[in-house]
Amino acid sequence: MEIPQWVRDINEDKGYHGNDIIGYHYYTYKRPLAFINETNIDQFPTLIYIIAQIPTYFTGNISSRQSVSTWINELDEVKIVTPQNINELNDLLQSTTNCTEKLLVLVNNENICPLLYWNNIARTVHMYSGVRPVYLSAPLPAAMSVTLYKRLPLLDETVCRQMFLVHQSSYSVLFQDYTPNAVRELIEILLPNDTGECPPLQDTMWYSILTPLTELQMIYFSGEHDLVKLEHKQSYVLVGITGGVAVIALAISIFWGLNGSAFAN
């Protein structure tokens, strides 16, 4: 049987290596496996795609390279959402108000603490629980950073890696174990299995996302964010101080203008 070579070819075509590769294991079925349901097996030999102990059974022609390769590619395909700007990030957060949208968000600095099996986690949650994986590459641009950390204030910008769920305009407690099985298990705990139209979340494990920032707040906090970054670079200390005065003066001017016009009415 040529299936091992077909799997190797798929790995090569996709450029997979290390933790991302699709492995192939031959198992002589002498005793049952806990995560395999025999009633789903029509005949032997059979082909089963397993990720995080979640099996999917092949029902096509096991001798057809095209059928097997198409099946594997469809299961392996995962669409990771990667918002590129503040509008896309706000739209994602807004999308969770409909009670059906669920997001698993990873904020990660790959240069400091890469999560080598993120793609496997993304495949697992998307296939099993219908959760959309979202990836944010840290450090974020000023506007995106301000949006994320002001609207989800329990997150910590100084932490290298953070993973959490977003659902019903709320965000969950942070994940502590990043293995695919552990992520799947915590998702099952966090997401309600109530069949109601919009089942309530567990109060102790979820926090409300704050309202979007105003344009004035974005200007001020983005400037403040850039100033803090500059102040951490010794060669830019003087520029940082000057920039800080300019930002403060701008904020005072804007507030004074509002106080003298709209507020006066």
C-alpha atoms as a PDB file:
ATOM      1  CA  MET A   1       0.000   0.000   0.000  1.00  0.00           C
ATOM      2  CA  GLU A   2       1.397   3.401  -1.019  1.00  0.00           C
ATOM      3  CA  ILE A   3      -0.411   5.568   1.531  1.00  0.00           C
ATOM      4  CA  PRO A   4       2.769   6.349   3.552  1.00  0.00           C
ATOM      5  CA  GLN A   5       4.355   7.803   0.421  1.00  0.00           C
ATOM      6  CA  TRP A   6       1.205   9.793  -0.369  1.00  0.00           C
ATOM      7  CA  VAL A   7       1.328  11.281   3.127  1.00  0.00           C
ATOM      8  CA  ARG A   8       5.027  12.127   2.731  1.00  0.00           C
ATOM      9  CA  ASP A   9       4.245  13.834  -0.578  1.00  0.00           C
ATOM     10  CA  ILE A  10       1.511  15.935   1.065  1.00  0.00           C
ATOM     11  CA  ASN A  11       3.934  16.993   3.810  1.00  0.00           C
ATOM     12  CA  GLU A  12       6.508  17.943   1.195  1.00  0.00           C
ATOM     13  CA  ASP A  13       3.986  19.852  -0.932  1.00  0.00           C
ATOM     14  CA  LYS A  14       2.837  21.843   2.093  1.00  0.00           C
ATOM     15  CA  GLY A  15       6.366  22.417   3.374  1.00  0.00           C
ATOM     16  CA  TYR A  16       5.569  20.762   6.694  1.00  0.00           C
ATOM     17  CA  HIS A  17       8.355  19.875   9.104  1.00  0.00           C
ATOM     18  CA  GLY A  18       8.778  19.254  12.818  1.00  0.00           C
ATOM     19  CA  ASN A  19       5.520  19.391  14.771  1.00  0.00           C
ATOM     20  CA  ASP A  20       3.476  20.333  11.702  1.00  0.00           C
ATOM     21  CA  ILE A  21       3.986  17.115   9.739  1.00  0.00           C
ATOM     22  CA  ILE A  22       1.139  14.670   9.208  1.00  0.00           C
ATOM     23  CA  GLY A  23       2.334  11.343  10.606  1.00  0.00           C
ATOM     24  CA  TYR A  24       1.372   7.890   9.369  1.00  0.00           C
ATOM     25  CA  HIS A  25       1.048   4.925  11.734  1.00  0.00           C
ATOM     26  CA  TYR A  26       0.120   1.352  10.848  1.00  0.00           C
ATOM     27  CA  TYR A  27      -1.943  -0.320  13.563  1.00  0.00           C
ATOM     28  CA  THR A  28      -2.861  -3.989  13.697  1.00  0.00           C
ATOM     29  CA  TYR A  29      -6.357  -3.887  15.167  1.00  0.00           C
ATOM     30  CA  LYS A  30      -6.116  -6.647  17.763  1.00  0.00           C
ATOM     31  CA  ARG A  31      -7.704  -4.707  20.617  1.00  0.00           C
ATOM     32  CA  PRO A  32     -10.001  -1.657  20.651  1.00  0.00           C
ATOM     33  CA  LEU A  33      -8.684   1.868  21.023  1.00  0.00           C
ATOM     34  CA  ALA A  34     -10.612   4.113  23.396  1.00  0.00           C
ATOM     35  CA  PHE A  35     -11.066   6.967  20.919  1.00  0.00           C
ATOM     36  CA  ILE A  36     -12.052   4.827  17.898  1.00  0.00           C
ATOM     37  CA  ASN A  37     -15.678   3.800  17.375  1.00  0.00           C
ATOM     38  CA  GLU A  38     -15.802   0.430  15.623  1.00  0.00           C
ATOM     39  CA  THR A  39     -19.324   1.066  14.362  1.00  0.00           C
ATOM     40  CA  ASN A  40     -17.872   3.726  12.051  1.00  0.00           C
ATOM     41  CA  ILE A  41     -15.545   1.207  10.392  1.00  0.00           C
ATOM     42  CA  ASP A  42     -17.134  -0.579   7.438  1.00  0.00           C
ATOM     43  CA  GLN A  43     -14.164  -2.702   6.414  1.00  0.00           C
ATOM     44  CA  PHE A  44     -10.478  -3.346   6.928  1.00  0.00           C
ATOM     45  CA  PRO A  45      -8.007  -1.986   6.075  1.00  0.00           C
ATOM     46  CA  THR A  46      -9.422   1.397   7.005  1.00  0.00           C
ATOM     47  CA  LEU A  47      -7.965   4.894   7.169  1.00  0.00           C
ATOM     48  CA  ILE A  48      -8.548   7.204  10.139  1.00  0.00           C
ATOM     49  CA  TYR A  49      -7.385  10.795  10.538  1.00  0.00           C
ATOM     50  CA  ILE A  50      -6.772  11.531  14.225  1.00  0.00           C
ATOM     51  CA  ILE A  51      -5.894  14.814  15.865  1.00  0.00           C
ATOM     52  CA  ALA A  52      -6.105  15.401  19.640  1.00  0.00           C
ATOM     53  CA  GLN A  53      -7.780  11.947  19.868  1.00  0.00           C
ATOM     54  CA  ILE A  54     -10.594  13.100  17.569  1.00  0.00           C
ATOM     55  CA  PRO A  55     -11.054  10.523  14.768  1.00  0.00           C
ATOM     56  CA  THR A  56     -12.433  11.110  11.279  1.00  0.00           C
ATOM     57  CA  TYR A  57     -13.097   8.005   9.179  1.00  0.00           C
ATOM     58  CA  PHE A  58     -12.308   7.674   5.480  1.00  0.00           C
ATOM     59  CA  THR A  59     -15.199   6.250   3.466  1.00  0.00           C
ATOM     60  CA  GLY A  60     -13.792   6.465  -0.054  1.00  0.00           C
ATOM     61  CA  ASN A  61     -11.628   4.206  -2.188  1.00  0.00           C
ATOM     62  CA  ILE A  62      -8.533   3.485  -0.111  1.00  0.00           C
ATOM     63  CA  SER A  63      -6.636   2.450  -3.253  1.00  0.00           C
ATOM     64  CA  SER A  64      -7.201   5.803  -4.966  1.00  0.00           C
ATOM     65  CA  ARG A  65      -4.408   8.307  -4.401  1.00  0.00           C
ATOM     66  CA  GLN A  66      -6.645  11.167  -5.514  1.00  0.00           C
ATOM     67  CA  SER A  67      -9.446  10.205  -3.100  1.00  0.00           C
ATOM     68  CA  VAL A  68      -7.108   9.752  -0.138  1.00  0.00           C
ATOM     69  CA  SER A  69      -5.087  12.912  -0.851  1.00  0.00           C
ATOM     70  CA  THR A  70      -8.217  15.026  -1.316  1.00  0.00           C
ATOM     71  CA  TRP A  71      -9.645  13.733   1.963  1.00  0.00           C
ATOM     72  CA  ILE A  72      -6.441  14.478   3.889  1.00  0.00           C
ATOM     73  CA  ASN A  73      -6.079  17.940   2.349  1.00  0.00           C
ATOM     74  CA  GLU A  74      -9.672  18.858   3.211  1.00  0.00           C
ATOM     75  CA  LEU A  75      -9.197  17.793   6.836  1.00  0.00           C
ATOM     76  CA  ASP A  76      -5.816  19.468   7.076  1.00  0.00           C
ATOM     77  CA  GLU A  77      -6.972  22.787   5.678  1.00  0.00           C
ATOM     78  CA  VAL A  78      -7.488  25.345   8.408  1.00  0.00           C
ATOM     79  CA  LYS A  79      -8.184  29.019   7.940  1.00  0.00           C
ATOM     80  CA  ILE A  80      -6.434  31.044  10.619  1.00  0.00           C
ATOM     81  CA  VAL A  81      -7.749  34.600  10.844  1.00  0.00           C
ATOM     82  CA  THR A  82      -4.946  37.173  11.057  1.00  0.00           C
ATOM     83  CA  PRO A  83      -6.336  40.708  11.451  1.00  0.00           C
ATOM     84  CA  GLN A  84      -3.962  43.255   9.939  1.00  0.00           C
ATOM     85  CA  ASN A  85      -5.318  46.525  11.286  1.00  0.00           C
ATOM     86  CA  ILE A  86      -7.540  48.092  13.925  1.00  0.00           C
ATOM     87  CA  ASN A  87     -10.685  47.881  11.783  1.00  0.00           C
ATOM     88  CA  GLU A  88     -10.306  44.146  11.211  1.00  0.00           C
ATOM     89  CA  LEU A  89      -9.634  43.592  14.912  1.00  0.00           C
ATOM     90  CA  ASN A  90     -12.682  45.599  15.976  1.00  0.00           C
ATOM     91  CA  ASP A  91     -14.825  43.783  13.408  1.00  0.00           C
ATOM     92  CA  LEU A  92     -13.742  40.432  14.850  1.00  0.00           C
ATOM     93  CA  LEU A  93     -14.599  41.481  18.389  1.00  0.00           C
ATOM     94  CA  GLN A  94     -17.921  42.882  17.199  1.00  0.00           C
ATOM     95  CA  SER A  95     -18.748  39.630  15.375  1.00  0.00           C
ATOM     96  CA  THR A  96     -19.015  37.760  18.677  1.00  0.00           C
ATOM     97  CA  THR A  97     -22.178  39.613  19.710  1.00  0.00           C
ATOM     98  CA  ASN A  98     -24.344  37.225  17.668  1.00  0.00           C
ATOM     99  CA  CYS A  99     -24.122  34.297  20.138  1.00  0.00           C
ATOM    100  CA  THR A 100     -22.861  31.900  17.470  1.00  0.00           C
ATOM    101  CA  GLU A 101     -19.396  33.237  16.670  1.00  0.00           C
ATOM    102  CA  LYS A 102     -16.576  31.750  18.749  1.00  0.00           C
ATOM    103  CA  LEU A 103     -12.919  32.755  18.477  1.00  0.00           C
ATOM    104  CA  LEU A 104      -9.783  31.183  19.908  1.00  0.00           C
ATOM    105  CA  VAL A 105      -7.231  33.996  19.984  1.00  0.00           C
ATOM    106  CA  LEU A 106      -3.481  33.521  20.282  1.00  0.00           C
ATOM    107  CA  VAL A 107      -1.351  36.615  20.893  1.00  0.00           C
ATOM    108  CA  ASN A 108       2.219  35.463  20.497  1.00  0.00           C
ATOM    109  CA  ASN A 109       5.727  36.810  19.989  1.00  0.00           C
ATOM    110  CA  GLU A 110       7.266  34.167  17.736  1.00  0.00           C
ATOM    111  CA  ASN A 111      10.784  35.522  18.190  1.00  0.00           C
ATOM    112  CA  ILE A 112      10.726  34.988  21.952  1.00  0.00           C
ATOM    113  CA  CYS A 113       8.348  32.086  22.628  1.00  0.00           C
ATOM    114  CA  PRO A 114       7.171  30.350  19.429  1.00  0.00           C
ATOM    115  CA  LEU A 115       4.277  27.921  19.823  1.00  0.00           C
ATOM    116  CA  LEU A 116       5.428  25.158  17.499  1.00  0.00           C
ATOM    117  CA  TYR A 117       2.135  23.249  17.383  1.00  0.00           C
ATOM    118  CA  TRP A 118      -0.225  26.212  16.932  1.00  0.00           C
ATOM    119  CA  ASN A 119      -1.380  24.852  13.564  1.00  0.00           C
ATOM    120  CA  ASN A 120      -2.364  21.572  15.230  1.00  0.00           C
ATOM    121  CA  ILE A 121      -4.310  23.466  17.889  1.00  0.00           C
ATOM    122  CA  ALA A 122      -6.061  25.474  15.175  1.00  0.00           C
ATOM    123  CA  ARG A 123      -6.997  22.297  13.280  1.00  0.00           C
ATOM    124  CA  THR A 124      -8.300  20.671  16.444  1.00  0.00           C
ATOM    125  CA  VAL A 125     -10.575  23.440  17.649  1.00  0.00           C
ATOM    126  CA  HIS A 126     -11.931  24.277  14.209  1.00  0.00           C
ATOM    127  CA  MET A 127     -12.732  20.668  13.359  1.00  0.00           C
ATOM    128  CA  TYR A 128     -14.159  19.708  16.734  1.00  0.00           C
ATOM    129  CA  SER A 129     -15.994  22.694  18.136  1.00  0.00           C
ATOM    130  CA  GLY A 130     -16.479  25.132  15.256  1.00  0.00           C
ATOM    131  CA  VAL A 131     -14.231  27.726  16.850  1.00  0.00           C
ATOM    132  CA  ARG A 132     -12.381  30.088  14.519  1.00  0.00           C
ATOM    133  CA  PRO A 133      -8.657  30.373  15.321  1.00  0.00           C
ATOM    134  CA  VAL A 134      -7.274  33.929  15.352  1.00  0.00           C
ATOM    135  CA  TYR A 135      -3.575  34.790  15.404  1.00  0.00           C
ATOM    136  CA  LEU A 136      -2.114  38.127  16.506  1.00  0.00           C
ATOM    137  CA  SER A 137       1.628  38.520  16.051  1.00  0.00           C
ATOM    138  CA  ALA A 138       3.202  40.465  18.925  1.00  0.00           C
ATOM    139  CA  PRO A 139       4.381  43.117  19.344  1.00  0.00           C
ATOM    140  CA  LEU A 140       1.292  44.676  17.773  1.00  0.00           C
ATOM    141  CA  PRO A 141       1.174  48.068  16.027  1.00  0.00           C
ATOM    142  CA  ALA A 142       0.214  50.890  18.388  1.00  0.00           C
ATOM    143  CA  ALA A 143      -3.443  51.206  17.320  1.00  0.00           C
ATOM    144  CA  MET A 144      -4.087  47.450  17.458  1.00  0.00           C
ATOM    145  CA  SER A 145      -2.291  47.140  20.785  1.00  0.00           C
ATOM    146  CA  VAL A 146      -4.328  49.961  22.311  1.00  0.00           C
ATOM    147  CA  THR A 147      -7.565  48.445  21.012  1.00  0.00           C
ATOM    148  CA  LEU A 148      -6.805  44.964  22.341  1.00  0.00           C
ATOM    149  CA  TYR A 149      -5.434  45.863  25.756  1.00  0.00           C
ATOM    150  CA  LYS A 150      -7.866  48.677  26.532  1.00  0.00           C
ATOM    151  CA  ARG A 151     -10.945  46.714  25.512  1.00  0.00           C
ATOM    152  CA  LEU A 152      -9.706  43.475  27.129  1.00  0.00           C
ATOM    153  CA  PRO A 153      -7.955  45.020  30.139  1.00  0.00           C
ATOM    154  CA  LEU A 154      -7.143  41.778  31.971  1.00  0.00           C
ATOM    155  CA  LEU A 155      -4.665  40.854  29.238  1.00  0.00           C
ATOM    156  CA  ASP A 156      -1.027  41.747  29.846  1.00  0.00           C
ATOM    157  CA  GLU A 157       0.932  43.303  26.985  1.00  0.00           C
ATOM    158  CA  THR A 158       4.256  42.345  28.590  1.00  0.00           C
ATOM    159  CA  VAL A 159       3.477  38.618  28.461  1.00  0.00           C
ATOM    160  CA  CYS A 160       5.034  36.742  25.560  1.00  0.00           C
ATOM    161  CA  ARG A 161       2.087  34.429  24.853  1.00  0.00           C
ATOM    162  CA  GLN A 162      -1.623  34.604  25.697  1.00  0.00           C
ATOM    163  CA  MET A 163      -4.486  32.405  24.515  1.00  0.00           C
ATOM    164  CA  PHE A 164      -8.170  32.932  25.259  1.00  0.00           C
ATOM    165  CA  LEU A 165     -11.674  32.474  23.867  1.00  0.00           C
ATOM    166  CA  VAL A 166     -13.956  35.265  22.680  1.00  0.00           C
ATOM    167  CA  HIS A 167     -17.717  34.664  22.663  1.00  0.00           C
ATOM    168  CA  GLN A 168     -20.869  36.690  23.350  1.00  0.00           C
ATOM    169  CA  SER A 169     -18.867  39.941  23.617  1.00  0.00           C
ATOM    170  CA  SER A 170     -16.796  38.390  26.407  1.00  0.00           C
ATOM    171  CA  TYR A 171     -13.320  36.939  26.748  1.00  0.00           C
ATOM    172  CA  SER A 172     -12.335  33.941  28.822  1.00  0.00           C
ATOM    173  CA  VAL A 173      -9.720  33.208  31.422  1.00  0.00           C
ATOM    174  CA  LEU A 174      -6.293  32.594  29.910  1.00  0.00           C
ATOM    175  CA  PHE A 175      -5.205  29.129  28.843  1.00  0.00           C
ATOM    176  CA  GLN A 176      -2.258  27.788  30.850  1.00  0.00           C
ATOM    177  CA  ASP A 177      -1.644  24.529  28.972  1.00  0.00           C
ATOM    178  CA  TYR A 178      -1.127  24.868  25.209  1.00  0.00           C
ATOM    179  CA  THR A 179      -1.168  21.220  24.172  1.00  0.00           C
ATOM    180  CA  PRO A 180      -3.984  20.435  21.696  1.00  0.00           C
ATOM    181  CA  ASN A 181      -5.758  18.049  24.091  1.00  0.00           C
ATOM    182  CA  ALA A 182      -5.658  20.520  26.974  1.00  0.00           C
ATOM    183  CA  VAL A 183      -6.922  23.353  24.775  1.00  0.00           C
ATOM    184  CA  ARG A 184      -9.814  21.225  23.546  1.00  0.00           C
ATOM    185  CA  GLU A 185     -10.742  20.178  27.088  1.00  0.00           C
ATOM    186  CA  LEU A 186     -10.787  23.750  28.394  1.00  0.00           C
ATOM    187  CA  ILE A 187     -12.924  24.853  25.443  1.00  0.00           C
ATOM    188  CA  GLU A 188     -15.454  22.182  26.396  1.00  0.00           C
ATOM    189  CA  ILE A 189     -15.526  23.585  29.937  1.00  0.00           C
ATOM    190  CA  LEU A 190     -15.745  27.230  28.890  1.00  0.00           C
ATOM    191  CA  LEU A 191     -18.371  26.973  26.166  1.00  0.00           C
ATOM    192  CA  PRO A 192     -21.892  26.155  27.341  1.00  0.00           C
ATOM    193  CA  ASN A 193     -23.583  23.058  25.957  1.00  0.00           C
ATOM    194  CA  ASP A 194     -27.036  24.511  26.565  1.00  0.00           C
ATOM    195  CA  THR A 195     -29.251  24.217  23.499  1.00  0.00           C
ATOM    196  CA  GLY A 196     -30.941  27.528  24.236  1.00  0.00           C
ATOM    197  CA  GLU A 197     -30.794  30.458  21.856  1.00  0.00           C
ATOM    198  CA  CYS A 198     -28.074  32.257  23.785  1.00  0.00           C
ATOM    199  CA  PRO A 199     -26.987  30.271  26.859  1.00  0.00           C
ATOM    200  CA  PRO A 200     -25.260  32.225  29.645  1.00  0.00           C
ATOM    201  CA  LEU A 201     -21.519  31.996  30.209  1.00  0.00           C
ATOM    202  CA  GLN A 202     -19.948  31.099  33.541  1.00  0.00           C
ATOM    203  CA  ASP A 203     -19.464  34.389  35.375  1.00  0.00           C
ATOM    204  CA  THR A 204     -16.266  33.324  37.105  1.00  0.00           C
ATOM    205  CA  MET A 205     -14.496  32.405  33.865  1.00  0.00           C
ATOM    206  CA  TRP A 206     -15.569  35.170  31.487  1.00  0.00           C
ATOM    207  CA  TYR A 207     -15.141  38.959  31.380  1.00  0.00           C
ATOM    208  CA  SER A 208     -17.011  41.547  29.331  1.00  0.00           C
ATOM    209  CA  ILE A 209     -15.238  43.214  26.417  1.00  0.00           C
ATOM    210  CA  LEU A 210     -15.301  46.974  26.876  1.00  0.00           C
ATOM    211  CA  THR A 211     -16.835  49.320  24.305  1.00  0.00           C
ATOM    212  CA  PRO A 212     -14.744  50.574  21.356  1.00  0.00           C
ATOM    213  CA  LEU A 213     -12.525  53.560  22.035  1.00  0.00           C
ATOM    214  CA  THR A 214     -13.417  56.971  20.657  1.00  0.00           C
ATOM    215  CA  GLU A 215     -11.246  58.638  18.032  1.00  0.00           C
ATOM    216  CA  LEU A 216      -9.864  61.016  20.650  1.00  0.00           C
ATOM    217  CA  GLN A 217      -9.001  58.139  22.983  1.00  0.00           C
ATOM    218  CA  MET A 218      -7.263  56.311  20.144  1.00  0.00           C
ATOM    219  CA  ILE A 219      -5.126  59.370  19.366  1.00  0.00           C
ATOM    220  CA  TYR A 220      -4.130  59.842  22.983  1.00  0.00           C
ATOM    221  CA  PHE A 221      -3.468  56.201  23.914  1.00  0.00           C
ATOM    222  CA  SER A 222      -1.644  55.437  20.644  1.00  0.00           C
ATOM    223  CA  GLY A 223       0.655  58.384  21.283  1.00  0.00           C
ATOM    224  CA  GLU A 224       1.177  57.233  24.843  1.00  0.00           C
ATOM    225  CA  HIS A 225       1.940  53.704  23.607  1.00  0.00           C
ATOM    226  CA  ASP A 226       4.589  54.964  21.177  1.00  0.00           C
ATOM    227  CA  LEU A 227       6.089  57.204  23.846  1.00  0.00           C
ATOM    228  CA  VAL A 228       6.533  54.291  26.255  1.00  0.00           C
ATOM    229  CA  LYS A 229       8.301  52.295  23.539  1.00  0.00           C
ATOM    230  CA  LEU A 230      10.623  55.213  22.779  1.00  0.00           C
ATOM    231  CA  GLU A 231      11.443  55.755  26.426  1.00  0.00           C
ATOM    232  CA  HIS A 232      12.726  52.189  26.610  1.00  0.00           C
ATOM    233  CA  LYS A 233      15.292  52.971  23.929  1.00  0.00           C
ATOM    234  CA  GLN A 234      18.170  55.011  25.353  1.00  0.00           C
ATOM    235  CA  SER A 235      19.048  56.558  22.004  1.00  0.00           C
ATOM    236  CA  TYR A 236      15.545  58.042  21.763  1.00  0.00           C
ATOM    237  CA  VAL A 237      15.010  59.367  25.274  1.00  0.00           C
ATOM    238  CA  LEU A 238      15.109  63.027  24.226  1.00  0.00           C
ATOM    239  CA  VAL A 239      12.741  62.437  21.320  1.00  0.00           C
ATOM    240  CA  GLY A 240      10.423  60.545  23.650  1.00  0.00           C
ATOM    241  CA  ILE A 241      10.250  63.429  26.101  1.00  0.00           C
ATOM    242  CA  THR A 242       9.566  65.911  23.333  1.00  0.00           C
ATOM    243  CA  GLY A 243       6.903  63.648  21.858  1.00  0.00           C
ATOM    244  CA  GLY A 244       5.288  63.252  25.263  1.00  0.00           C
ATOM    245  CA  VAL A 245       4.952  67.013  25.700  1.00  0.00           C
ATOM    246  CA  ALA A 246       3.430  67.301  22.236  1.00  0.00           C
ATOM    247  CA  VAL A 247       0.882  64.567  22.937  1.00  0.00           C
ATOM    248  CA  ILE A 248      -0.116  66.102  26.270  1.00  0.00           C
ATOM    249  CA  ALA A 249      -0.402  69.559  24.717  1.00  0.00           C
ATOM    250  CA  LEU A 250      -2.550  68.151  21.918  1.00  0.00           C
ATOM    251  CA  ALA A 251      -4.869  66.457  24.405  1.00  0.00           C
ATOM    252  CA  ILE A 252      -5.217  69.639  26.464  1.00  0.00           C
ATOM    253  CA  SER A 253      -5.965  71.671  23.360  1.00  0.00           C
ATOM    254  CA  ILE A 254      -8.651  69.279  22.179  1.00  0.00           C
ATOM    255  CA  PHE A 255     -10.359  69.072  25.569  1.00  0.00           C
ATOM    256  CA  TRP A 256     -10.165  72.854  25.959  1.00  0.00           C
ATOM    257  CA  GLY A 257     -11.750  73.300  22.532  1.00  0.00           C
ATOM    258  CA  LEU A 258     -14.600  70.969  23.414  1.00  0.00           C
ATOM    259  CA  ASN A 259     -15.069  72.731  26.719  1.00  0.00           C
ATOM    260  CA  GLY A 260     -15.337  76.083  25.001  1.00  0.00           C
ATOM    261  CA  SER A 261     -17.728  75.054  22.250  1.00  0.00           C
ATOM    262  CA  ALA A 262     -19.892  71.934  22.411  1.00  0.00           C
ATOM    263  CA  PHE A 263     -19.898  71.632  26.189  1.00  0.00           C
ATOM    264  CA  ALA A 264     -20.796  75.298  26.561  1.00  0.00           C
ATOM    265  CA  ASN A 265     -24.010  74.674  24.663  1.00  0.00           C
END
